[in-house]
Amino acid sequence: MDYHTKRFPGHLKDMTCYNIYNSLVISPYGDMFLCGNYKIGNIKDGPVKDAWNNEKARLLRTQYEKGYFPACQRCGGFSER
């Protein structure tokens, strides 16, 4: 089965996201993102470690634990367990 075929609902039970637990993207403007366009803060406002566990980051992880988001199906960070 190829990469894109695994992105459809019948296979989602075997998929999970690791990006929200082990990576962070910082834009050229200092904005920090855990997932896609989900901004959790700006590097100019304080250390990365503060943003990593701030309220917005914890909310995203809590919501993800309840079930994946529709956009997850097409994300490269959404992979097999």
PDB file of N, CA and C in Angstrom:
ATOM      1  N   MET A   1       0.844  -1.168   0.000  1.00  0.00           N
ATOM      2  CA  MET A   1       0.000   0.000   0.000  1.00  0.00           C
ATOM      3  C   MET A   1       0.898   1.243   0.000  1.00  0.00           C
ATOM      4  N   ASP A   2       0.589   2.217  -0.803  1.00  0.00           N
ATOM      5  CA  ASP A   2       1.468   3.388  -0.880  1.00  0.00           C
ATOM      6  C   ASP A   2       1.120   4.444   0.177  1.00  0.00           C
ATOM      7  N   TYR A   3       1.978   5.422   0.291  1.00  0.00           N
ATOM      8  CA  TYR A   3       1.887   6.470   1.303  1.00  0.00           C
ATOM      9  C   TYR A   3       0.521   7.155   1.320  1.00  0.00           C
ATOM     10  N   HIS A   4       0.022   7.578   0.169  1.00  0.00           N
ATOM     11  CA  HIS A   4      -1.221   8.345   0.121  1.00  0.00           C
ATOM     12  C   HIS A   4      -2.451   7.498   0.411  1.00  0.00           C
ATOM     13  N   THR A   5      -2.427   6.237   0.103  1.00  0.00           N
ATOM     14  CA  THR A   5      -3.566   5.374   0.378  1.00  0.00           C
ATOM     15  C   THR A   5      -3.799   5.265   1.879  1.00  0.00           C
ATOM     16  N   LYS A   6      -2.755   5.303   2.663  1.00  0.00           N
ATOM     17  CA  LYS A   6      -2.878   5.187   4.117  1.00  0.00           C
ATOM     18  C   LYS A   6      -3.511   6.418   4.752  1.00  0.00           C
ATOM     19  N   ARG A   7      -3.736   7.452   3.991  1.00  0.00           N
ATOM     20  CA  ARG A   7      -4.275   8.689   4.534  1.00  0.00           C
ATOM     21  C   ARG A   7      -5.801   8.682   4.608  1.00  0.00           C
ATOM     22  N   PHE A   8      -6.459   7.644   4.253  1.00  0.00           N
ATOM     23  CA  PHE A   8      -7.912   7.640   4.235  1.00  0.00           C
ATOM     24  C   PHE A   8      -8.477   6.974   5.483  1.00  0.00           C
ATOM     25  N   PRO A   9      -9.704   7.342   5.878  1.00  0.00           N
ATOM     26  CA  PRO A   9     -10.276   6.955   7.166  1.00  0.00           C
ATOM     27  C   PRO A   9     -10.166   5.491   7.573  1.00  0.00           C
ATOM     28  N   GLY A  10     -10.226   4.549   6.670  1.00  0.00           N
ATOM     29  CA  GLY A  10     -10.154   3.146   7.034  1.00  0.00           C
ATOM     30  C   GLY A  10      -8.844   2.767   7.693  1.00  0.00           C
ATOM     31  N   HIS A  11      -7.814   3.567   7.492  1.00  0.00           N
ATOM     32  CA  HIS A  11      -6.495   3.253   8.026  1.00  0.00           C
ATOM     33  C   HIS A  11      -6.088   4.164   9.186  1.00  0.00           C
ATOM     34  N   LEU A  12      -6.943   5.102   9.559  1.00  0.00           N
ATOM     35  CA  LEU A  12      -6.569   6.082  10.580  1.00  0.00           C
ATOM     36  C   LEU A  12      -6.396   5.482  11.966  1.00  0.00           C
ATOM     37  N   LYS A  13      -7.007   4.353  12.237  1.00  0.00           N
ATOM     38  CA  LYS A  13      -6.873   3.749  13.561  1.00  0.00           C
ATOM     39  C   LYS A  13      -5.430   3.353  13.856  1.00  0.00           C
ATOM     40  N   ASP A  14      -4.628   3.160  12.825  1.00  0.00           N
ATOM     41  CA  ASP A  14      -3.226   2.779  12.999  1.00  0.00           C
ATOM     42  C   ASP A  14      -2.280   3.968  12.882  1.00  0.00           C
ATOM     43  N   MET A  15      -2.810   5.181  12.851  1.00  0.00           N
ATOM     44  CA  MET A  15      -2.007   6.378  12.639  1.00  0.00           C
ATOM     45  C   MET A  15      -1.995   7.242  13.898  1.00  0.00           C
ATOM     46  N   THR A  16      -0.946   8.022  14.042  1.00  0.00           N
ATOM     47  CA  THR A  16      -0.856   8.970  15.146  1.00  0.00           C
ATOM     48  C   THR A  16       0.041  10.139  14.737  1.00  0.00           C
ATOM     49  N   CYS A  17       0.031  11.192  15.534  1.00  0.00           N
ATOM     50  CA  CYS A  17       0.866  12.362  15.273  1.00  0.00           C
ATOM     51  C   CYS A  17       1.963  12.436  16.325  1.00  0.00           C
ATOM     52  N   TYR A  18       3.184  12.535  15.865  1.00  0.00           N
ATOM     53  CA  TYR A  18       4.309  12.705  16.787  1.00  0.00           C
ATOM     54  C   TYR A  18       4.785  14.159  16.807  1.00  0.00           C
ATOM     55  N   ASN A  19       4.426  14.924  15.782  1.00  0.00           N
ATOM     56  CA  ASN A  19       4.915  16.301  15.677  1.00  0.00           C
ATOM     57  C   ASN A  19       4.534  17.167  16.870  1.00  0.00           C
ATOM     58  N   ILE A  20       3.324  17.016  17.369  1.00  0.00           N
ATOM     59  CA  ILE A  20       2.893  17.886  18.472  1.00  0.00           C
ATOM     60  C   ILE A  20       3.578  17.542  19.787  1.00  0.00           C
ATOM     61  N   TYR A  21       4.331  16.451  19.803  1.00  0.00           N
ATOM     62  CA  TYR A  21       5.062  16.039  20.997  1.00  0.00           C
ATOM     63  C   TYR A  21       6.577  16.191  20.868  1.00  0.00           C
ATOM     64  N   ASN A  22       7.091  16.333  19.622  1.00  0.00           N
ATOM     65  CA  ASN A  22       8.550  16.357  19.490  1.00  0.00           C
ATOM     66  C   ASN A  22       9.102  17.358  18.481  1.00  0.00           C
ATOM     67  N   SER A  23       8.285  18.262  17.972  1.00  0.00           N
ATOM     68  CA  SER A  23       8.845  19.251  17.042  1.00  0.00           C
ATOM     69  C   SER A  23       8.131  20.590  17.177  1.00  0.00           C
ATOM     70  N   LEU A  24       8.813  21.607  16.730  1.00  0.00           N
ATOM     71  CA  LEU A  24       8.307  22.967  16.795  1.00  0.00           C
ATOM     72  C   LEU A  24       8.864  23.705  15.590  1.00  0.00           C
ATOM     73  N   VAL A  25       8.025  24.485  14.935  1.00  0.00           N
ATOM     74  CA  VAL A  25       8.465  25.283  13.792  1.00  0.00           C
ATOM     75  C   VAL A  25       8.472  26.743  14.222  1.00  0.00           C
ATOM     76  N   ILE A  26       9.563  27.435  13.922  1.00  0.00           N
ATOM     77  CA  ILE A  26       9.657  28.864  14.215  1.00  0.00           C
ATOM     78  C   ILE A  26       9.773  29.591  12.887  1.00  0.00           C
ATOM     79  N   SER A  27       8.823  30.494  12.633  1.00  0.00           N
ATOM     80  CA  SER A  27       8.811  31.242  11.376  1.00  0.00           C
ATOM     81  C   SER A  27       9.895  32.320  11.382  1.00  0.00           C
ATOM     82  N   PRO A  28      10.184  32.909  10.233  1.00  0.00           N
ATOM     83  CA  PRO A  28      11.166  33.992  10.178  1.00  0.00           C
ATOM     84  C   PRO A  28      10.766  35.196  11.033  1.00  0.00           C
ATOM     85  N   TYR A  29       9.480  35.276  11.398  1.00  0.00           N
ATOM     86  CA  TYR A  29       8.993  36.385  12.219  1.00  0.00           C
ATOM     87  C   TYR A  29       8.979  36.040  13.704  1.00  0.00           C
ATOM     88  N   GLY A  30       9.428  34.826  14.040  1.00  0.00           N
ATOM     89  CA  GLY A  30       9.502  34.406  15.429  1.00  0.00           C
ATOM     90  C   GLY A  30       8.274  33.662  15.931  1.00  0.00           C
ATOM     91  N   ASP A  31       7.249  33.517  15.079  1.00  0.00           N
ATOM     92  CA  ASP A  31       6.056  32.790  15.495  1.00  0.00           C
ATOM     93  C   ASP A  31       6.388  31.309  15.626  1.00  0.00           C
ATOM     94  N   MET A  32       5.847  30.680  16.682  1.00  0.00           N
ATOM     95  CA  MET A  32       6.112  29.268  16.948  1.00  0.00           C
ATOM     96  C   MET A  32       4.843  28.454  16.707  1.00  0.00           C
ATOM     97  N   PHE A  33       4.991  27.358  15.968  1.00  0.00           N
ATOM     98  CA  PHE A  33       3.861  26.511  15.594  1.00  0.00           C
ATOM     99  C   PHE A  33       4.143  25.059  15.960  1.00  0.00           C
ATOM    100  N   LEU A  34       3.147  24.382  16.531  1.00  0.00           N
ATOM    101  CA  LEU A  34       3.255  22.952  16.796  1.00  0.00           C
ATOM    102  C   LEU A  34       2.669  22.159  15.636  1.00  0.00           C
ATOM    103  N   CYS A  35       1.632  22.692  15.031  1.00  0.00           N
ATOM    104  CA  CYS A  35       0.879  21.946  14.027  1.00  0.00           C
ATOM    105  C   CYS A  35       0.346  22.922  12.982  1.00  0.00           C
ATOM    106  N   GLY A  36       0.756  22.747  11.742  1.00  0.00           N
ATOM    107  CA  GLY A  36       0.225  23.593  10.666  1.00  0.00           C
ATOM    108  C   GLY A  36       0.272  25.065  11.003  1.00  0.00           C
ATOM    109  N   ASN A  37      -0.897  25.695  11.052  1.00  0.00           N
ATOM    110  CA  ASN A  37      -1.000  27.118  11.357  1.00  0.00           C
ATOM    111  C   ASN A  37      -1.425  27.373  12.798  1.00  0.00           C
ATOM    112  N   TYR A  38      -1.224  26.403  13.680  1.00  0.00           N
ATOM    113  CA  TYR A  38      -1.606  26.548  15.080  1.00  0.00           C
ATOM    114  C   TYR A  38      -0.463  27.204  15.851  1.00  0.00           C
ATOM    115  N   LYS A  39      -0.578  28.517  15.977  1.00  0.00           N
ATOM    116  CA  LYS A  39       0.463  29.320  16.626  1.00  0.00           C
ATOM    117  C   LYS A  39       0.339  29.210  18.141  1.00  0.00           C
ATOM    118  N   ILE A  40       1.456  28.904  18.796  1.00  0.00           N
ATOM    119  CA  ILE A  40       1.444  28.800  20.254  1.00  0.00           C
ATOM    120  C   ILE A  40       2.173  29.955  20.930  1.00  0.00           C
ATOM    121  N   GLY A  41       2.803  30.807  20.141  1.00  0.00           N
ATOM    122  CA  GLY A  41       3.495  31.948  20.731  1.00  0.00           C
ATOM    123  C   GLY A  41       4.501  32.539  19.776  1.00  0.00           C
ATOM    124  N   ASN A  42       5.301  33.459  20.297  1.00  0.00           N
ATOM    125  CA  ASN A  42       6.339  34.111  19.508  1.00  0.00           C
ATOM    126  C   ASN A  42       7.622  34.114  20.334  1.00  0.00           C
ATOM    127  N   ILE A  43       8.723  33.829  19.691  1.00  0.00           N
ATOM    128  CA  ILE A  43      10.021  33.737  20.356  1.00  0.00           C
ATOM    129  C   ILE A  43      10.395  35.060  21.047  1.00  0.00           C
ATOM    130  N   LYS A  44       9.857  36.160  20.542  1.00  0.00           N
ATOM    131  CA  LYS A  44      10.155  37.467  21.124  1.00  0.00           C
ATOM    132  C   LYS A  44       9.479  37.665  22.481  1.00  0.00           C
ATOM    133  N   ASP A  45       8.463  36.831  22.759  1.00  0.00           N
ATOM    134  CA  ASP A  45       7.700  36.983  23.997  1.00  0.00           C
ATOM    135  C   ASP A  45       8.248  36.162  25.156  1.00  0.00           C
ATOM    136  N   GLY A  46       9.212  35.281  24.884  1.00  0.00           N
ATOM    137  CA  GLY A  46       9.781  34.475  25.959  1.00  0.00           C
ATOM    138  C   GLY A  46      10.442  33.230  25.412  1.00  0.00           C
ATOM    139  N   PRO A  47      11.022  32.428  26.298  1.00  0.00           N
ATOM    140  CA  PRO A  47      11.746  31.232  25.878  1.00  0.00           C
ATOM    141  C   PRO A  47      10.852  30.177  25.223  1.00  0.00           C
ATOM    142  N   VAL A  48      11.468  29.371  24.381  1.00  0.00           N
ATOM    143  CA  VAL A  48      10.756  28.293  23.698  1.00  0.00           C
ATOM    144  C   VAL A  48      10.145  27.337  24.723  1.00  0.00           C
ATOM    145  N   LYS A  49      10.868  27.037  25.778  1.00  0.00           N
ATOM    146  CA  LYS A  49      10.367  26.079  26.773  1.00  0.00           C
ATOM    147  C   LYS A  49       9.062  26.549  27.412  1.00  0.00           C
ATOM    148  N   ASP A  50       8.872  27.860  27.525  1.00  0.00           N
ATOM    149  CA  ASP A  50       7.615  28.377  28.073  1.00  0.00           C
ATOM    150  C   ASP A  50       6.468  28.161  27.087  1.00  0.00           C
ATOM    151  N   ALA A  51       6.715  28.392  25.817  1.00  0.00           N
ATOM    152  CA  ALA A  51       5.682  28.195  24.800  1.00  0.00           C
ATOM    153  C   ALA A  51       5.365  26.716  24.618  1.00  0.00           C
ATOM    154  N   TRP A  52       6.379  25.863  24.731  1.00  0.00           N
ATOM    155  CA  TRP A  52       6.198  24.422  24.510  1.00  0.00           C
ATOM    156  C   TRP A  52       5.103  23.836  25.402  1.00  0.00           C
ATOM    157  N   ASN A  53       4.995  24.337  26.623  1.00  0.00           N
ATOM    158  CA  ASN A  53       3.989  23.818  27.552  1.00  0.00           C
ATOM    159  C   ASN A  53       2.972  24.869  27.979  1.00  0.00           C
ATOM    160  N   ASN A  54       2.793  25.900  27.171  1.00  0.00           N
ATOM    161  CA  ASN A  54       1.808  26.913  27.536  1.00  0.00           C
ATOM    162  C   ASN A  54       0.385  26.380  27.342  1.00  0.00           C
ATOM    163  N   GLU A  55      -0.576  27.184  27.694  1.00  0.00           N
ATOM    164  CA  GLU A  55      -1.975  26.760  27.643  1.00  0.00           C
ATOM    165  C   GLU A  55      -2.415  26.335  26.240  1.00  0.00           C
ATOM    166  N   LYS A  56      -2.005  27.083  25.216  1.00  0.00           N
ATOM    167  CA  LYS A  56      -2.400  26.735  23.839  1.00  0.00           C
ATOM    168  C   LYS A  56      -1.801  25.397  23.402  1.00  0.00           C
ATOM    169  N   ALA A  57      -0.559  25.145  23.753  1.00  0.00           N
ATOM    170  CA  ALA A  57       0.088  23.873  23.384  1.00  0.00           C
ATOM    171  C   ALA A  57      -0.578  22.708  24.101  1.00  0.00           C
ATOM    172  N   ARG A  58      -0.855  22.876  25.380  1.00  0.00           N
ATOM    173  CA  ARG A  58      -1.516  21.812  26.142  1.00  0.00           C
ATOM    174  C   ARG A  58      -2.925  21.550  25.618  1.00  0.00           C
ATOM    175  N   LEU A  59      -3.625  22.618  25.238  1.00  0.00           N
ATOM    176  CA  LEU A  59      -4.977  22.468  24.687  1.00  0.00           C
ATOM    177  C   LEU A  59      -4.945  21.647  23.398  1.00  0.00           C
ATOM    178  N   LEU A  60      -4.008  21.949  22.506  1.00  0.00           N
ATOM    179  CA  LEU A  60      -3.896  21.198  21.254  1.00  0.00           C
ATOM    180  C   LEU A  60      -3.642  19.721  21.542  1.00  0.00           C
ATOM    181  N   ARG A  61      -2.719  19.425  22.425  1.00  0.00           N
ATOM    182  CA  ARG A  61      -2.402  18.026  22.741  1.00  0.00           C
ATOM    183  C   ARG A  61      -3.591  17.320  23.393  1.00  0.00           C
ATOM    184  N   THR A  62      -4.297  18.022  24.269  1.00  0.00           N
ATOM    185  CA  THR A  62      -5.480  17.439  24.921  1.00  0.00           C
ATOM    186  C   THR A  62      -6.567  17.145  23.896  1.00  0.00           C
ATOM    187  N   GLN A  63      -6.800  18.083  22.997  1.00  0.00           N
ATOM    188  CA  GLN A  63      -7.823  17.877  21.970  1.00  0.00           C
ATOM    189  C   GLN A  63      -7.437  16.737  21.045  1.00  0.00           C
ATOM    190  N   TYR A  64      -6.159  16.630  20.714  1.00  0.00           N
ATOM    191  CA  TYR A  64      -5.701  15.554  19.833  1.00  0.00           C
ATOM    192  C   TYR A  64      -5.894  14.194  20.497  1.00  0.00           C
ATOM    193  N   GLU A  65      -5.689  14.115  21.801  1.00  0.00           N
ATOM    194  CA  GLU A  65      -5.861  12.842  22.518  1.00  0.00           C
ATOM    195  C   GLU A  65      -7.293  12.337  22.414  1.00  0.00           C
ATOM    196  N   LYS A  66      -8.254  13.259  22.217  1.00  0.00           N
ATOM    197  CA  LYS A  66      -9.660  12.869  22.077  1.00  0.00           C
ATOM    198  C   LYS A  66      -9.957  12.356  20.679  1.00  0.00           C
ATOM    199  N   GLY A  67      -9.080  12.603  19.737  1.00  0.00           N
ATOM    200  CA  GLY A  67      -9.273  12.163  18.357  1.00  0.00           C
ATOM    201  C   GLY A  67      -8.563  13.099  17.408  1.00  0.00           C
ATOM    202  N   TYR A  68      -8.131  12.569  16.280  1.00  0.00           N
ATOM    203  CA  TYR A  68      -7.401  13.375  15.306  1.00  0.00           C
ATOM    204  C   TYR A  68      -8.307  14.429  14.681  1.00  0.00           C
ATOM    205  N   PHE A  69      -7.689  15.425  14.053  1.00  0.00           N
ATOM    206  CA  PHE A  69      -8.408  16.486  13.362  1.00  0.00           C
ATOM    207  C   PHE A  69      -8.522  16.129  11.881  1.00  0.00           C
ATOM    208  N   PRO A  70      -9.511  16.640  11.179  1.00  0.00           N
ATOM    209  CA  PRO A  70      -9.638  16.322   9.749  1.00  0.00           C
ATOM    210  C   PRO A  70      -8.371  16.625   8.942  1.00  0.00           C
ATOM    211  N   ALA A  71      -7.684  17.688   9.256  1.00  0.00           N
ATOM    212  CA  ALA A  71      -6.467  18.047   8.511  1.00  0.00           C
ATOM    213  C   ALA A  71      -5.344  17.043   8.723  1.00  0.00           C
ATOM    214  N   CYS A  72      -5.402  16.265   9.793  1.00  0.00           N
ATOM    215  CA  CYS A  72      -4.352  15.280  10.088  1.00  0.00           C
ATOM    216  C   CYS A  72      -4.186  14.267   8.962  1.00  0.00           C
ATOM    217  N   GLN A  73      -5.273  13.953   8.276  1.00  0.00           N
ATOM    218  CA  GLN A  73      -5.238  12.926   7.241  1.00  0.00           C
ATOM    219  C   GLN A  73      -4.233  13.227   6.136  1.00  0.00           C
ATOM    220  N   ARG A  74      -3.936  14.480   5.910  1.00  0.00           N
ATOM    221  CA  ARG A  74      -3.042  14.865   4.814  1.00  0.00           C
ATOM    222  C   ARG A  74      -1.687  15.382   5.281  1.00  0.00           C
ATOM    223  N   CYS A  75      -1.444  15.320   6.574  1.00  0.00           N
ATOM    224  CA  CYS A  75      -0.199  15.857   7.115  1.00  0.00           C
ATOM    225  C   CYS A  75       0.923  14.830   7.058  1.00  0.00           C
ATOM    226  N   GLY A  76       2.112  15.274   6.740  1.00  0.00           N
ATOM    227  CA  GLY A  76       3.268  14.389   6.697  1.00  0.00           C
ATOM    228  C   GLY A  76       3.709  13.929   8.082  1.00  0.00           C
ATOM    229  N   GLY A  77       3.271  14.604   9.133  1.00  0.00           N
ATOM    230  CA  GLY A  77       3.625  14.201  10.491  1.00  0.00           C
ATOM    231  C   GLY A  77       2.697  13.138  11.052  1.00  0.00           C
ATOM    232  N   PHE A  78       1.615  12.874  10.357  1.00  0.00           N
ATOM    233  CA  PHE A  78       0.638  11.864  10.769  1.00  0.00           C
ATOM    234  C   PHE A  78       1.099  10.546  10.205  1.00  0.00           C
ATOM    235  N   SER A  79       1.614   9.671  11.060  1.00  0.00           N
ATOM    236  CA  SER A  79       2.236   8.458  10.555  1.00  0.00           C
ATOM    237  C   SER A  79       1.831   7.225  11.355  1.00  0.00           C
ATOM    238  N   GLU A  80       2.284   6.070  10.891  1.00  0.00           N
ATOM    239  CA  GLU A  80       1.940   4.822  11.561  1.00  0.00           C
ATOM    240  C   GLU A  80       2.566   4.748  12.940  1.00  0.00           C
ATOM    241  N   ARG A  81       1.864   4.102  13.838  1.00  0.00           N
ATOM    242  CA  ARG A  81       2.371   3.932  15.218  1.00  0.00           C
ATOM    243  C   ARG A  81       3.510   2.952  15.231  1.00  0.00           C
TER     244      ARG A  81
END
